[in-house]
Amino acid sequence: MAVLSALLNGVGHAAGGPMNEDLTPLAAPAQKVVEAGKRGEAEAFLTEAKDLLAKAKEMPASAAQQRIVGKLKIAVAEGKDGKLTEGVQAVEEAMTDMKKSGPPKFGGGT
């Protein structure tokens, strides 16, 4: 039984990381970045985006975390170039991935 448990645990990690990853704490700071970008506040956008990227890098490594970090790197680069619309779009795409992650969902199924 221990071998089966170890094997199944390994499969869970190979498929993209722990099943209980929760990247939703990044959602509120990401919303601040989006709001700053939509207001046209380039300096605030860039500062908030850099802070968000740092927080995302501190999250446990997983496929979702890597996608989010990649999109936030794009947002920071776009912010440095003054392309706030493109930067906001990259953050919004990252937010979609944040919402897909979350704590495990238990309960009935069909």
N, C-alpha and C. Protein backbone atom coordinates (compact mmCIF):
# COMPACT_ATOMS: atom_id res chain seq x y z
N MET A 1 0.82 -1.18 0.00
CA MET A 1 0.00 0.00 0.00
C MET A 1 0.87 1.26 0.00
N ALA A 2 1.98 1.24 0.72
CA ALA A 2 2.86 2.40 0.76
C ALA A 2 3.45 2.69 -0.61
N VAL A 3 3.75 1.63 -1.37
CA VAL A 3 4.31 1.82 -2.71
C VAL A 3 3.28 2.49 -3.61
N LEU A 4 2.03 2.06 -3.54
CA LEU A 4 0.97 2.65 -4.34
C LEU A 4 0.79 4.12 -3.98
N SER A 5 0.80 4.41 -2.71
CA SER A 5 0.66 5.79 -2.26
C SER A 5 1.81 6.66 -2.79
N ALA A 6 3.02 6.16 -2.70
CA ALA A 6 4.18 6.90 -3.19
C ALA A 6 4.09 7.10 -4.70
N LEU A 7 3.65 6.08 -5.41
CA LEU A 7 3.52 6.18 -6.86
C LEU A 7 2.48 7.23 -7.23
N LEU A 8 1.33 7.20 -6.59
CA LEU A 8 0.29 8.17 -6.89
C LEU A 8 0.71 9.58 -6.53
N ASN A 9 1.44 9.73 -5.44
CA ASN A 9 1.93 11.04 -5.04
C ASN A 9 2.89 11.58 -6.09
N GLY A 10 3.75 10.74 -6.63
CA GLY A 10 4.68 11.14 -7.68
C GLY A 10 3.96 11.56 -8.94
N VAL A 11 2.88 10.88 -9.28
CA VAL A 11 2.11 11.24 -10.46
C VAL A 11 1.48 12.62 -10.28
N GLY A 12 1.00 12.92 -9.09
CA GLY A 12 0.41 14.23 -8.82
C GLY A 12 1.40 15.35 -9.02
N HIS A 13 2.62 15.15 -8.60
CA HIS A 13 3.64 16.18 -8.77
C HIS A 13 4.08 16.27 -10.22
N ALA A 14 4.14 15.17 -10.93
CA ALA A 14 4.54 15.20 -12.33
C ALA A 14 3.51 15.93 -13.19
N ALA A 15 2.28 15.94 -12.75
CA ALA A 15 1.22 16.57 -13.54
C ALA A 15 1.14 18.07 -13.32
N GLY A 16 2.03 18.66 -12.57
CA GLY A 16 2.00 20.10 -12.45
C GLY A 16 2.12 20.62 -11.04
N GLY A 17 2.43 19.80 -10.11
CA GLY A 17 2.66 20.29 -8.77
C GLY A 17 1.63 19.80 -7.80
N PRO A 18 1.72 20.29 -6.59
CA PRO A 18 0.82 19.82 -5.55
C PRO A 18 -0.62 20.17 -5.87
N MET A 19 -1.50 19.26 -5.50
CA MET A 19 -2.90 19.47 -5.79
C MET A 19 -3.51 20.58 -4.95
N ASN A 20 -2.85 20.95 -3.88
CA ASN A 20 -3.43 21.96 -3.01
C ASN A 20 -2.81 23.34 -3.21
N GLU A 21 -2.18 23.56 -4.37
CA GLU A 21 -1.60 24.88 -4.61
C GLU A 21 -2.71 25.92 -4.59
N ASP A 22 -2.41 27.05 -4.01
CA ASP A 22 -3.39 28.12 -3.93
C ASP A 22 -2.70 29.42 -4.29
N LEU A 23 -2.94 29.88 -5.49
CA LEU A 23 -2.34 31.11 -5.97
C LEU A 23 -3.31 32.28 -5.89
N THR A 24 -4.48 32.04 -5.32
CA THR A 24 -5.48 33.10 -5.23
C THR A 24 -5.04 34.29 -4.36
N PRO A 25 -4.08 34.14 -3.41
CA PRO A 25 -3.64 35.33 -2.68
C PRO A 25 -3.00 36.39 -3.58
N LEU A 26 -2.64 36.00 -4.79
CA LEU A 26 -2.05 36.96 -5.72
C LEU A 26 -3.12 37.78 -6.43
N ALA A 27 -4.37 37.37 -6.34
CA ALA A 27 -5.45 38.01 -7.10
C ALA A 27 -5.68 39.47 -6.68
N ALA A 28 -5.71 39.75 -5.39
CA ALA A 28 -5.97 41.12 -4.94
C ALA A 28 -4.85 42.08 -5.36
N PRO A 29 -3.57 41.71 -5.16
CA PRO A 29 -2.52 42.60 -5.65
C PRO A 29 -2.55 42.75 -7.18
N ALA A 30 -2.93 41.69 -7.88
CA ALA A 30 -3.02 41.76 -9.34
C ALA A 30 -4.10 42.75 -9.75
N GLN A 31 -5.20 42.78 -9.02
CA GLN A 31 -6.27 43.73 -9.32
C GLN A 31 -5.77 45.16 -9.18
N LYS A 32 -4.92 45.41 -8.18
CA LYS A 32 -4.34 46.75 -8.00
C LYS A 32 -3.50 47.14 -9.21
N VAL A 33 -2.75 46.18 -9.73
CA VAL A 33 -1.92 46.43 -10.91
C VAL A 33 -2.80 46.81 -12.10
N VAL A 34 -3.86 46.02 -12.30
CA VAL A 34 -4.78 46.28 -13.41
C VAL A 34 -5.41 47.66 -13.28
N GLU A 35 -5.87 48.00 -12.09
CA GLU A 35 -6.51 49.30 -11.87
C GLU A 35 -5.55 50.45 -12.15
N ALA A 36 -4.29 50.32 -11.71
CA ALA A 36 -3.31 51.36 -11.97
C ALA A 36 -3.07 51.51 -13.47
N GLY A 37 -2.98 50.39 -14.16
CA GLY A 37 -2.78 50.44 -15.61
C GLY A 37 -3.95 51.06 -16.34
N LYS A 38 -5.16 50.72 -15.91
CA LYS A 38 -6.36 51.28 -16.57
C LYS A 38 -6.52 52.77 -16.30
N ARG A 39 -5.97 53.23 -15.18
CA ARG A 39 -6.00 54.68 -14.88
C ARG A 39 -4.89 55.41 -15.61
N GLY A 40 -3.98 54.67 -16.25
CA GLY A 40 -2.88 55.29 -16.97
C GLY A 40 -1.72 55.71 -16.09
N GLU A 41 -1.64 55.16 -14.90
CA GLU A 41 -0.58 55.50 -13.95
C GLU A 41 0.60 54.55 -14.16
N ALA A 42 1.46 54.91 -15.08
CA ALA A 42 2.56 54.03 -15.50
C ALA A 42 3.50 53.69 -14.35
N GLU A 43 3.87 54.68 -13.55
CA GLU A 43 4.81 54.43 -12.46
C GLU A 43 4.20 53.48 -11.41
N ALA A 44 2.95 53.72 -11.04
CA ALA A 44 2.27 52.85 -10.08
C ALA A 44 2.10 51.45 -10.65
N PHE A 45 1.75 51.37 -11.93
CA PHE A 45 1.60 50.07 -12.59
C PHE A 45 2.90 49.28 -12.49
N LEU A 46 3.99 49.92 -12.85
CA LEU A 46 5.28 49.23 -12.87
C LEU A 46 5.71 48.81 -11.46
N THR A 47 5.53 49.68 -10.49
CA THR A 47 5.90 49.35 -9.11
C THR A 47 5.08 48.18 -8.59
N GLU A 48 3.76 48.26 -8.78
CA GLU A 48 2.87 47.19 -8.30
C GLU A 48 3.14 45.88 -9.06
N ALA A 49 3.40 45.97 -10.36
CA ALA A 49 3.67 44.76 -11.16
C ALA A 49 4.96 44.08 -10.70
N LYS A 50 5.97 44.86 -10.40
CA LYS A 50 7.23 44.29 -9.89
C LYS A 50 7.01 43.61 -8.55
N ASP A 51 6.24 44.25 -7.67
CA ASP A 51 5.95 43.65 -6.37
C ASP A 51 5.17 42.35 -6.53
N LEU A 52 4.19 42.36 -7.43
CA LEU A 52 3.39 41.17 -7.69
C LEU A 52 4.25 40.04 -8.25
N LEU A 53 5.15 40.37 -9.16
CA LEU A 53 6.06 39.37 -9.72
C LEU A 53 6.92 38.75 -8.63
N ALA A 54 7.43 39.57 -7.72
CA ALA A 54 8.24 39.05 -6.62
C ALA A 54 7.43 38.09 -5.75
N LYS A 55 6.17 38.46 -5.45
CA LYS A 55 5.31 37.59 -4.64
C LYS A 55 5.02 36.28 -5.37
N ALA A 56 4.80 36.36 -6.66
CA ALA A 56 4.50 35.16 -7.45
C ALA A 56 5.70 34.22 -7.48
N LYS A 57 6.90 34.78 -7.54
CA LYS A 57 8.11 33.95 -7.55
C LYS A 57 8.30 33.23 -6.22
N GLU A 58 7.75 33.79 -5.13
CA GLU A 58 7.88 33.17 -3.81
C GLU A 58 6.90 32.02 -3.59
N MET A 59 5.90 31.90 -4.44
CA MET A 59 4.90 30.84 -4.30
C MET A 59 5.54 29.49 -4.62
N PRO A 60 4.97 28.41 -4.11
CA PRO A 60 5.51 27.08 -4.42
C PRO A 60 5.53 26.85 -5.93
N ALA A 61 6.63 26.26 -6.37
CA ALA A 61 6.80 26.02 -7.81
C ALA A 61 5.76 25.02 -8.31
N SER A 62 5.13 25.38 -9.40
CA SER A 62 4.16 24.50 -10.06
C SER A 62 4.02 24.99 -11.50
N ALA A 63 3.31 24.25 -12.30
CA ALA A 63 3.09 24.66 -13.68
C ALA A 63 2.31 25.98 -13.71
N ALA A 64 1.28 26.10 -12.87
CA ALA A 64 0.48 27.33 -12.84
C ALA A 64 1.33 28.51 -12.37
N GLN A 65 2.13 28.29 -11.35
CA GLN A 65 2.99 29.36 -10.84
C GLN A 65 3.94 29.83 -11.92
N GLN A 66 4.49 28.90 -12.69
CA GLN A 66 5.42 29.26 -13.77
C GLN A 66 4.72 30.05 -14.87
N ARG A 67 3.49 29.66 -15.21
CA ARG A 67 2.73 30.42 -16.22
C ARG A 67 2.46 31.84 -15.74
N ILE A 68 2.07 31.96 -14.47
CA ILE A 68 1.77 33.28 -13.91
C ILE A 68 3.02 34.14 -13.90
N VAL A 69 4.14 33.59 -13.45
CA VAL A 69 5.39 34.35 -13.42
C VAL A 69 5.76 34.81 -14.82
N GLY A 70 5.61 33.93 -15.81
CA GLY A 70 5.93 34.30 -17.19
C GLY A 70 5.08 35.46 -17.68
N LYS A 71 3.80 35.42 -17.38
CA LYS A 71 2.90 36.50 -17.81
C LYS A 71 3.19 37.79 -17.07
N LEU A 72 3.57 37.69 -15.80
CA LEU A 72 3.89 38.90 -15.04
C LEU A 72 5.21 39.50 -15.51
N LYS A 73 6.15 38.68 -15.95
CA LYS A 73 7.39 39.21 -16.53
C LYS A 73 7.07 40.02 -17.79
N ILE A 74 6.14 39.52 -18.58
CA ILE A 74 5.72 40.25 -19.78
C ILE A 74 5.09 41.58 -19.38
N ALA A 75 4.25 41.55 -18.35
CA ALA A 75 3.59 42.78 -17.89
C ALA A 75 4.61 43.82 -17.44
N VAL A 76 5.64 43.39 -16.70
CA VAL A 76 6.67 44.32 -16.25
C VAL A 76 7.41 44.90 -17.46
N ALA A 77 7.75 44.04 -18.41
CA ALA A 77 8.46 44.52 -19.61
C ALA A 77 7.60 45.53 -20.38
N GLU A 78 6.32 45.23 -20.52
CA GLU A 78 5.41 46.15 -21.22
C GLU A 78 5.30 47.47 -20.45
N GLY A 79 5.24 47.38 -19.12
CA GLY A 79 5.18 48.58 -18.30
C GLY A 79 6.42 49.44 -18.47
N LYS A 80 7.58 48.81 -18.55
CA LYS A 80 8.82 49.55 -18.76
C LYS A 80 8.82 50.26 -20.10
N ASP A 81 8.16 49.64 -21.08
CA ASP A 81 8.08 50.24 -22.42
C ASP A 81 6.93 51.23 -22.55
N GLY A 82 6.17 51.43 -21.46
CA GLY A 82 5.05 52.35 -21.49
C GLY A 82 3.81 51.80 -22.17
N LYS A 83 3.77 50.51 -22.40
CA LYS A 83 2.63 49.87 -23.06
C LYS A 83 1.68 49.32 -21.99
N LEU A 84 0.93 50.21 -21.39
CA LEU A 84 0.07 49.81 -20.28
C LEU A 84 -1.07 48.89 -20.72
N THR A 85 -1.63 49.12 -21.89
CA THR A 85 -2.73 48.26 -22.35
C THR A 85 -2.26 46.82 -22.46
N GLU A 86 -1.10 46.60 -23.06
CA GLU A 86 -0.56 45.26 -23.21
C GLU A 86 -0.17 44.68 -21.85
N GLY A 87 0.36 45.53 -20.97
CA GLY A 87 0.72 45.08 -19.63
C GLY A 87 -0.49 44.65 -18.83
N VAL A 88 -1.56 45.42 -18.93
CA VAL A 88 -2.81 45.07 -18.23
C VAL A 88 -3.33 43.75 -18.76
N GLN A 89 -3.27 43.57 -20.07
CA GLN A 89 -3.75 42.32 -20.67
C GLN A 89 -2.96 41.12 -20.13
N ALA A 90 -1.64 41.25 -20.00
CA ALA A 90 -0.82 40.16 -19.48
C ALA A 90 -1.19 39.84 -18.03
N VAL A 91 -1.44 40.87 -17.23
CA VAL A 91 -1.82 40.64 -15.83
C VAL A 91 -3.19 39.97 -15.77
N GLU A 92 -4.12 40.41 -16.62
CA GLU A 92 -5.44 39.79 -16.62
C GLU A 92 -5.37 38.32 -17.01
N GLU A 93 -4.48 37.98 -17.94
CA GLU A 93 -4.27 36.57 -18.31
C GLU A 93 -3.71 35.79 -17.13
N ALA A 94 -2.78 36.40 -16.40
CA ALA A 94 -2.23 35.75 -15.21
C ALA A 94 -3.32 35.55 -14.16
N MET A 95 -4.23 36.52 -14.05
CA MET A 95 -5.32 36.41 -13.07
C MET A 95 -6.23 35.23 -13.40
N THR A 96 -6.40 34.95 -14.67
CA THR A 96 -7.21 33.79 -15.06
C THR A 96 -6.58 32.52 -14.51
N ASP A 97 -5.26 32.41 -14.61
CA ASP A 97 -4.56 31.24 -14.06
C ASP A 97 -4.64 31.21 -12.53
N MET A 98 -4.61 32.38 -11.91
CA MET A 98 -4.71 32.44 -10.45
C MET A 98 -6.05 31.89 -9.99
N LYS A 99 -7.10 32.23 -10.71
CA LYS A 99 -8.43 31.80 -10.33
C LYS A 99 -8.64 30.31 -10.58
N LYS A 100 -7.91 29.75 -11.55
CA LYS A 100 -8.02 28.32 -11.82
C LYS A 100 -7.39 27.50 -10.71
N SER A 101 -6.35 28.06 -10.07
CA SER A 101 -5.72 27.35 -8.96
C SER A 101 -6.59 27.55 -7.73
N GLY A 102 -6.21 26.97 -6.67
CA GLY A 102 -6.93 27.16 -5.42
C GLY A 102 -6.81 25.95 -4.53
N PRO A 103 -7.34 26.08 -3.34
CA PRO A 103 -7.27 24.94 -2.42
C PRO A 103 -8.08 23.79 -2.98
N PRO A 104 -7.79 22.58 -2.53
CA PRO A 104 -8.53 21.44 -3.03
C PRO A 104 -10.01 21.59 -2.77
N LYS A 105 -10.77 21.12 -3.72
CA LYS A 105 -12.23 21.18 -3.59
C LYS A 105 -12.73 19.79 -3.25
N PHE A 106 -13.39 19.69 -2.11
CA PHE A 106 -13.90 18.42 -1.66
C PHE A 106 -15.42 18.47 -1.70
N GLY A 107 -16.00 17.34 -1.64
CA GLY A 107 -17.45 17.31 -1.59
C GLY A 107 -17.99 16.39 -2.66
N GLY A 108 -19.24 16.40 -2.75
CA GLY A 108 -19.92 15.51 -3.69
C GLY A 108 -19.55 15.78 -5.11
N GLY A 109 -19.74 14.81 -5.89
CA GLY A 109 -19.53 14.94 -7.33
C GLY A 109 -20.64 14.21 -8.03
N THR A 110 -20.56 14.23 -9.29
CA THR A 110 -21.59 13.53 -10.04
C THR A 110 -21.06 12.26 -10.63
